Amino acid sequence: MIRQKLQHRHKRNVLSLVALLLLSIASGCNQATQETQAQQTQESPAPQSEQIRVVATFLPMYWFTRAVAGDRAQVEILVPPGSEVHDYQATPANVQAIATADVLVKNGLGMEDFLEGTIKNAGNPNLQQIDASTGIQTLGEISPVEKAADHDHDHGHSHSHSHDHADGNPHVWLDPVLARQQVENIRDGLIAADPANKDVYQANAAAYIQQLDQIHNQFQQRLQQYPNCTFITFHDAYPYLANRYQLKQVAVVEIPEDQPSPGDIQQAVNAVKKYSAQAIFAEPGVDNRLLQSLSQDLNLTVQSIDPLEAGPTDPQHYFTAMSENLQNIEAACQ
């Protein structure tokens, strides 16, 4: 009886050993493939204690940084999406974020006026700064600014988007080709700050750049049917986009974002007539009722165009918003 039990146990042990051997052979065959896949996908996030801390100034910089960093860095945004970046006032939380960060990613070109004092207050001598616009050929003011004469600046409704930028217009992220250059600058800066994760940053940047190239090709193919389509906007954010795809931003009409007056609208009517504009682009958040009456007066449709300073924090939203911009530009230029 005991011998039978022992034999039975022995058989079971032998079977277990055989099963283990088979498993190890199978896993041995797959090991090289799995290792290669792991190297390619880099799915295992680094422990938080080992991750570098990165702060990005506002939404497009955050998208690009997150896309490149993946799960290898903790990325934080300074200016809440939808806040006016030009006039932003830094908070104590911003100072604290910069004080504890390893890397700061900024657009540069005078976009983030609040940064200089904030960085000084943070007192972080080891902070590495990435200027995403390094090496980009900037455009100055390419359109006359039509100022409404009857603005009442004392009532706080006026909100002008026109700012003097000594370094050129800062809205380079709205041109996918220049956005690619910004992503490359961010990639190189992260590699310099965290060389251990070079391969991941390179792979992530390459994947995002491929999408930027695709959206650029779509803009190029679809807008070449409308050469020199002329438009006016209420925000001087689109010279790079216009320049890239042979559109013409002929004027920037300064009207307040909320509660534009009939006088503001008349200013837009005058500009459309003066420059024979084919299209008017307003932004999300502008009072559309008056703009709709404007479009009826001029027999032009007012289309929405997004400067990408508000929206979800998912880096893929860049492509969603830019695709919508492309559709709206096509509709306006037809």
Protein backbone atom coordinates (compact mmCIF):
# COMPACT_ATOMS: atom_id res chain seq x y z
CA MET A 1 0.00 0.00 0.00
CA ILE A 2 2.76 2.41 0.98
CA ARG A 3 4.80 1.34 -2.05
CA GLN A 4 1.79 2.00 -4.33
CA LYS A 5 1.39 5.50 -2.85
CA LEU A 6 5.09 6.19 -3.32
CA GLN A 7 4.97 4.92 -6.90
CA HIS A 8 1.90 7.07 -7.55
CA ARG A 9 3.63 10.10 -6.06
CA HIS A 10 6.77 9.34 -8.07
CA LYS A 11 4.72 9.14 -11.26
CA ARG A 12 3.04 12.43 -10.41
CA ASN A 13 6.42 14.08 -9.74
CA VAL A 14 7.78 12.78 -13.04
CA LEU A 15 4.71 14.15 -14.84
CA SER A 16 5.15 17.50 -13.11
CA LEU A 17 8.80 17.58 -14.14
CA VAL A 18 7.89 16.74 -17.74
CA ALA A 19 5.24 19.49 -17.74
CA LEU A 20 7.76 21.97 -16.31
CA LEU A 21 10.33 20.98 -18.90
CA LEU A 22 7.83 21.41 -21.71
CA LEU A 23 6.84 24.81 -20.33
CA SER A 24 10.42 25.95 -20.00
CA ILE A 25 11.20 24.79 -23.56
CA ALA A 26 8.14 26.64 -24.86
CA SER A 27 8.98 29.76 -22.91
CA GLY A 28 12.59 29.43 -23.98
CA CYS A 29 11.48 29.55 -27.60
CA ASN A 30 9.33 32.59 -26.92
CA GLN A 31 11.77 34.36 -24.65
CA ALA A 32 13.76 36.06 -27.39
CA THR A 33 10.55 37.23 -29.06
CA GLN A 34 9.12 38.47 -25.78
CA GLU A 35 12.30 40.31 -24.93
CA THR A 36 12.31 41.97 -28.34
CA GLN A 37 8.66 42.94 -27.94
CA ALA A 38 9.30 44.32 -24.47
CA GLN A 39 12.17 46.39 -25.84
CA GLN A 40 9.98 47.71 -28.63
CA THR A 41 6.87 48.49 -26.59
CA GLN A 42 8.58 49.50 -23.34
CA GLU A 43 5.32 48.87 -21.52
CA SER A 44 6.74 48.59 -18.03
CA PRO A 45 6.53 52.01 -16.40
CA ALA A 46 9.52 53.16 -14.40
CA PRO A 47 8.84 53.42 -10.65
CA GLN A 48 7.72 56.94 -9.75
CA SER A 49 10.76 57.48 -7.58
CA GLU A 50 12.99 56.94 -10.64
CA GLN A 51 10.93 59.08 -13.05
CA ILE A 52 12.11 62.56 -13.88
CA ARG A 53 9.67 65.36 -13.05
CA VAL A 54 8.75 67.55 -16.00
CA VAL A 55 6.58 70.66 -16.11
CA ALA A 56 5.16 71.87 -19.42
CA THR A 57 3.84 75.42 -19.64
CA PHE A 58 0.51 75.12 -21.49
CA LEU A 59 -1.59 72.63 -23.44
CA PRO A 60 0.26 72.04 -26.75
CA MET A 61 3.59 71.84 -24.90
CA TYR A 62 2.01 69.38 -22.47
CA TRP A 63 0.64 67.22 -25.33
CA PHE A 64 3.98 67.07 -27.09
CA THR A 65 5.90 66.36 -23.87
CA ARG A 66 3.48 63.66 -22.73
CA ALA A 67 3.62 62.04 -26.16
CA VAL A 68 7.43 61.85 -26.04
CA ALA A 69 7.77 60.99 -22.35
CA GLY A 70 5.15 58.24 -22.29
CA ASP A 71 5.34 56.57 -18.89
CA ARG A 72 9.00 57.41 -18.29
CA ALA A 73 8.43 60.82 -16.74
CA GLN A 74 5.89 62.58 -14.53
CA VAL A 75 4.55 65.45 -16.63
CA GLU A 76 2.59 68.33 -15.12
CA ILE A 77 0.92 71.32 -16.81
CA LEU A 78 1.37 74.84 -15.41
CA VAL A 79 -1.35 76.88 -17.17
CA PRO A 80 -4.77 75.21 -16.90
CA PRO A 81 -6.25 74.46 -20.35
CA GLY A 82 -8.47 77.32 -21.49
CA SER A 83 -6.63 79.98 -19.47
CA GLU A 84 -5.22 82.90 -21.41
CA VAL A 85 -1.50 82.08 -21.63
CA HIS A 86 -0.36 85.59 -22.63
CA ASP A 87 -1.84 87.21 -19.52
CA TYR A 88 -1.41 84.32 -17.10
CA GLN A 89 -0.53 85.10 -13.48
CA ALA A 90 1.60 82.42 -11.83
CA THR A 91 0.30 80.75 -8.67
CA PRO A 92 2.24 79.48 -5.61
CA ALA A 93 1.52 75.95 -6.92
CA ASN A 94 3.33 76.84 -10.18
CA VAL A 95 6.37 78.05 -8.22
CA GLN A 96 6.34 74.84 -6.18
CA ALA A 97 6.04 72.69 -9.32
CA ILE A 98 9.07 74.38 -10.89
CA ALA A 99 11.01 74.21 -7.61
CA THR A 100 10.71 70.41 -7.57
CA ALA A 101 10.99 69.76 -11.33
CA ASP A 102 13.96 68.37 -13.22
CA VAL A 103 12.87 69.77 -16.58
CA LEU A 104 10.73 72.68 -17.80
CA VAL A 105 9.30 72.62 -21.35
CA LYS A 106 8.21 75.96 -22.80
CA ASN A 107 7.09 77.22 -26.20
CA GLY A 108 9.25 80.33 -25.95
CA LEU A 109 9.02 83.26 -28.41
CA GLY A 110 7.53 85.48 -25.70
CA MET A 111 4.48 83.24 -25.23
CA GLU A 112 5.03 82.65 -21.51
CA ASP A 113 5.70 86.08 -20.05
CA PHE A 114 4.94 84.83 -16.54
CA LEU A 115 7.84 82.37 -16.52
CA GLU A 116 10.84 84.55 -15.81
CA GLY A 117 9.73 85.68 -12.35
CA THR A 118 8.24 82.28 -11.55
CA ILE A 119 11.51 80.46 -12.30
CA LYS A 120 13.41 83.03 -10.22
CA ASN A 121 11.05 82.53 -7.27
CA ALA A 122 11.31 78.75 -7.56
CA GLY A 123 15.07 78.91 -6.90
CA ASN A 124 15.86 75.61 -8.64
CA PRO A 125 19.48 75.80 -9.88
CA ASN A 126 19.31 72.28 -11.36
CA LEU A 127 16.28 72.96 -13.57
CA GLN A 128 16.90 72.06 -17.21
CA GLN A 129 14.88 74.16 -19.64
CA ILE A 130 13.72 72.99 -23.07
CA ASP A 131 12.74 75.78 -25.45
CA ALA A 132 10.54 73.93 -27.94
CA SER A 133 10.88 76.68 -30.57
CA THR A 134 14.68 76.57 -30.79
CA GLY A 135 15.79 76.80 -34.42
CA ILE A 136 12.35 77.71 -35.79
CA GLN A 137 12.27 80.53 -38.33
CA THR A 138 9.65 82.90 -36.95
CA LEU A 139 7.19 85.15 -38.74
CA GLY A 140 6.52 88.68 -37.61
CA GLU A 141 3.21 90.47 -37.99
CA ILE A 142 1.95 89.57 -41.45
CA SER A 143 -1.52 91.10 -41.14
CA PRO A 144 -2.74 94.56 -40.27
CA VAL A 145 -4.64 94.74 -37.00
CA GLU A 146 -8.03 96.41 -37.28
CA LYS A 147 -8.88 97.93 -33.92
CA ALA A 148 -12.50 98.67 -33.16
CA ALA A 149 -12.79 102.36 -32.37
CA ASP A 150 -15.63 102.11 -29.88
CA HIS A 151 -14.13 99.69 -27.37
CA ASP A 152 -14.82 100.63 -23.80
CA HIS A 153 -11.68 99.25 -22.16
CA ASP A 154 -12.79 100.21 -18.66
CA HIS A 155 -15.57 97.65 -18.51
CA GLY A 156 -13.31 94.62 -18.67
CA HIS A 157 -15.10 93.11 -21.67
CA SER A 158 -12.35 93.93 -24.08
CA HIS A 159 -9.92 91.11 -24.46
CA SER A 160 -7.37 91.66 -27.15
CA HIS A 161 -5.33 88.77 -28.47
CA SER A 162 -2.82 91.05 -30.15
CA HIS A 163 0.45 91.17 -28.25
CA ASP A 164 3.80 92.58 -29.25
CA HIS A 165 6.18 89.67 -29.66
CA ALA A 166 9.76 90.84 -30.05
CA ASP A 167 10.79 87.31 -31.06
CA GLY A 168 8.11 86.88 -33.72
CA ASN A 169 4.65 85.36 -33.56
CA PRO A 170 4.71 82.49 -31.03
CA HIS A 171 1.84 80.32 -32.37
CA VAL A 172 4.11 77.87 -34.18
CA TRP A 173 2.36 74.70 -32.94
CA LEU A 174 -0.54 75.36 -35.36
CA ASP A 175 1.72 74.41 -38.29
CA PRO A 176 2.21 70.60 -38.13
CA VAL A 177 5.66 70.91 -39.73
CA LEU A 178 6.83 73.31 -37.02
CA ALA A 179 5.04 71.18 -34.39
CA ARG A 180 7.27 68.33 -35.59
CA GLN A 181 10.32 70.51 -34.92
CA GLN A 182 8.99 71.27 -31.45
CA VAL A 183 8.54 67.55 -30.73
CA GLU A 184 12.12 66.90 -31.89
CA ASN A 185 13.40 69.66 -29.58
CA ILE A 186 11.45 68.18 -26.66
CA ARG A 187 12.75 64.69 -27.48
CA ASP A 188 16.36 65.88 -27.56
CA GLY A 189 15.90 67.83 -24.31
CA LEU A 190 14.40 64.84 -22.49
CA ILE A 191 17.21 62.58 -23.73
CA ALA A 192 19.78 65.09 -22.44
CA ALA A 193 18.03 65.19 -19.05
CA ASP A 194 17.37 61.44 -18.82
CA PRO A 195 19.74 59.51 -21.13
CA ALA A 196 18.77 56.15 -19.60
CA ASN A 197 15.41 56.34 -21.40
CA LYS A 198 16.77 57.56 -24.74
CA ASP A 199 15.34 54.63 -26.73
CA VAL A 200 11.84 55.15 -25.34
CA TYR A 201 11.87 58.88 -26.03
CA GLN A 202 13.10 58.30 -29.57
CA ALA A 203 10.47 55.64 -30.29
CA ASN A 204 7.62 57.69 -28.79
CA ALA A 205 8.68 60.83 -30.67
CA ALA A 206 8.93 58.90 -33.94
CA ALA A 207 5.36 57.59 -33.54
CA TYR A 208 3.95 61.07 -32.83
CA ILE A 209 5.97 62.64 -35.65
CA GLN A 210 4.53 60.08 -38.07
CA GLN A 211 1.04 61.36 -37.15
CA LEU A 212 2.16 64.98 -37.54
CA ASP A 213 3.47 64.15 -41.02
CA GLN A 214 0.12 62.55 -41.88
CA ILE A 215 -1.93 65.57 -40.78
CA HIS A 216 0.46 67.86 -42.69
CA ASN A 217 -0.04 65.79 -45.84
CA GLN A 218 -3.82 66.00 -45.42
CA PHE A 219 -3.69 69.80 -45.08
CA GLN A 220 -1.42 70.09 -48.09
CA GLN A 221 -3.47 67.84 -50.37
CA ARG A 222 -6.87 69.23 -49.45
CA LEU A 223 -6.03 72.96 -49.27
CA GLN A 224 -4.07 73.12 -52.53
CA GLN A 225 -7.50 73.37 -54.21
CA TYR A 226 -7.96 76.81 -52.59
CA PRO A 227 -4.78 78.79 -53.31
CA ASN A 228 -4.65 82.20 -51.66
CA CYS A 229 -7.95 81.76 -49.85
CA THR A 230 -8.14 85.03 -47.90
CA PHE A 231 -9.49 85.19 -44.37
CA ILE A 232 -9.78 87.42 -41.33
CA THR A 233 -9.58 86.24 -37.73
CA PHE A 234 -10.07 87.71 -34.29
CA HIS A 235 -6.79 86.30 -32.92
CA ASP A 236 -3.38 86.67 -34.53
CA ALA A 237 -2.67 82.96 -34.12
CA TYR A 238 -2.64 81.65 -37.68
CA PRO A 239 0.21 83.18 -39.71
CA TYR A 240 2.24 79.93 -39.69
CA LEU A 241 -0.74 77.83 -40.73
CA ALA A 242 -1.57 80.33 -43.50
CA ASN A 243 2.05 80.54 -44.62
CA ARG A 244 2.45 76.75 -44.78
CA TYR A 245 -0.62 76.09 -46.90
CA GLN A 246 -0.67 79.22 -49.11
CA LEU A 247 -3.67 80.79 -47.41
CA LYS A 248 -3.82 84.53 -46.74
CA GLN A 249 -4.58 85.92 -43.31
CA VAL A 250 -5.41 89.45 -44.45
CA ALA A 251 -6.44 91.07 -41.17
CA VAL A 252 -6.88 90.51 -37.47
CA VAL A 253 -9.95 92.25 -36.10
CA GLU A 254 -9.70 92.95 -32.39
CA ILE A 255 -13.03 92.28 -30.76
CA PRO A 256 -13.73 91.24 -27.18
CA GLU A 257 -14.25 87.51 -26.71
CA ASP A 258 -17.40 87.99 -24.68
CA GLN A 259 -20.18 90.44 -25.52
CA PRO A 260 -18.94 91.97 -28.77
CA SER A 261 -20.88 95.16 -29.47
CA PRO A 262 -22.55 96.04 -32.81
CA GLY A 263 -19.65 98.46 -33.31
CA ASP A 264 -17.16 95.57 -32.98
CA ILE A 265 -19.10 93.62 -35.57
CA GLN A 266 -19.17 96.64 -37.91
CA GLN A 267 -15.38 96.68 -37.66
CA ALA A 268 -15.32 93.10 -38.92
CA VAL A 269 -17.72 93.96 -41.77
CA ASN A 270 -15.44 96.84 -42.78
CA ALA A 271 -12.36 94.61 -42.74
CA VAL A 272 -14.01 91.92 -44.88
CA LYS A 273 -14.97 94.52 -47.47
CA LYS A 274 -11.64 96.33 -47.32
CA TYR A 275 -9.58 93.16 -47.89
CA SER A 276 -12.12 91.22 -50.00
CA ALA A 277 -11.90 88.34 -47.51
CA GLN A 278 -13.47 85.04 -48.50
CA ALA A 279 -13.69 83.64 -45.00
CA ILE A 280 -14.06 84.63 -41.36
CA PHE A 281 -12.70 82.41 -38.62
CA ALA A 282 -13.97 82.77 -35.08
CA GLU A 283 -12.82 80.69 -32.14
CA PRO A 284 -14.74 78.48 -29.76
CA GLY A 285 -16.16 80.70 -27.01
CA VAL A 286 -16.81 83.81 -29.12
CA ASP A 287 -20.42 85.03 -29.05
CA ASN A 288 -21.75 83.39 -32.20
CA ARG A 289 -25.11 85.16 -32.41
CA LEU A 290 -23.61 88.47 -33.50
CA LEU A 291 -21.15 86.68 -35.73
CA GLN A 292 -24.01 84.83 -37.41
CA SER A 293 -25.71 88.14 -38.16
CA LEU A 294 -22.36 89.33 -39.52
CA SER A 295 -22.15 86.30 -41.80
CA GLN A 296 -25.65 87.03 -43.14
CA ASP A 297 -24.77 90.68 -43.81
CA LEU A 298 -21.72 89.61 -45.80
CA ASN A 299 -23.08 86.40 -47.29
CA LEU A 300 -20.10 84.55 -45.77
CA THR A 301 -20.23 81.70 -43.30
CA VAL A 302 -18.33 82.18 -40.06
CA GLN A 303 -16.35 79.03 -39.39
CA SER A 304 -14.76 78.00 -36.11
CA ILE A 305 -10.98 77.63 -35.85
CA ASP A 306 -9.28 76.29 -32.74
CA PRO A 307 -5.93 77.73 -31.55
CA LEU A 308 -5.48 74.56 -29.42
CA GLU A 309 -5.05 76.40 -26.14
CA ALA A 310 -7.98 74.55 -24.54
CA GLY A 311 -9.21 70.98 -24.64
CA PRO A 312 -8.54 67.51 -23.22
CA THR A 313 -5.04 66.66 -21.96
CA ASP A 314 -4.76 63.55 -24.18
CA PRO A 315 -1.90 64.17 -26.69
CA GLN A 316 -4.09 62.68 -29.45
CA HIS A 317 -6.44 65.66 -29.18
CA TYR A 318 -3.98 67.68 -31.30
CA PHE A 319 -4.94 65.55 -34.31
CA THR A 320 -8.68 65.63 -33.56
CA ALA A 321 -8.69 69.43 -33.30
CA MET A 322 -6.45 69.94 -36.32
CA SER A 323 -8.66 67.65 -38.45
CA GLU A 324 -11.67 69.78 -37.47
CA ASN A 325 -9.72 72.94 -38.32
CA LEU A 326 -8.95 71.49 -41.74
CA GLN A 327 -12.63 70.68 -42.41
CA ASN A 328 -13.69 74.17 -41.35
CA ILE A 329 -11.03 75.90 -43.47
CA GLU A 330 -12.13 73.85 -46.48
CA ALA A 331 -15.78 74.75 -45.86
CA ALA A 332 -14.94 78.46 -45.53
CA CYS A 333 -12.70 78.63 -48.60
CA GLN A 334 -15.05 76.86 -51.02
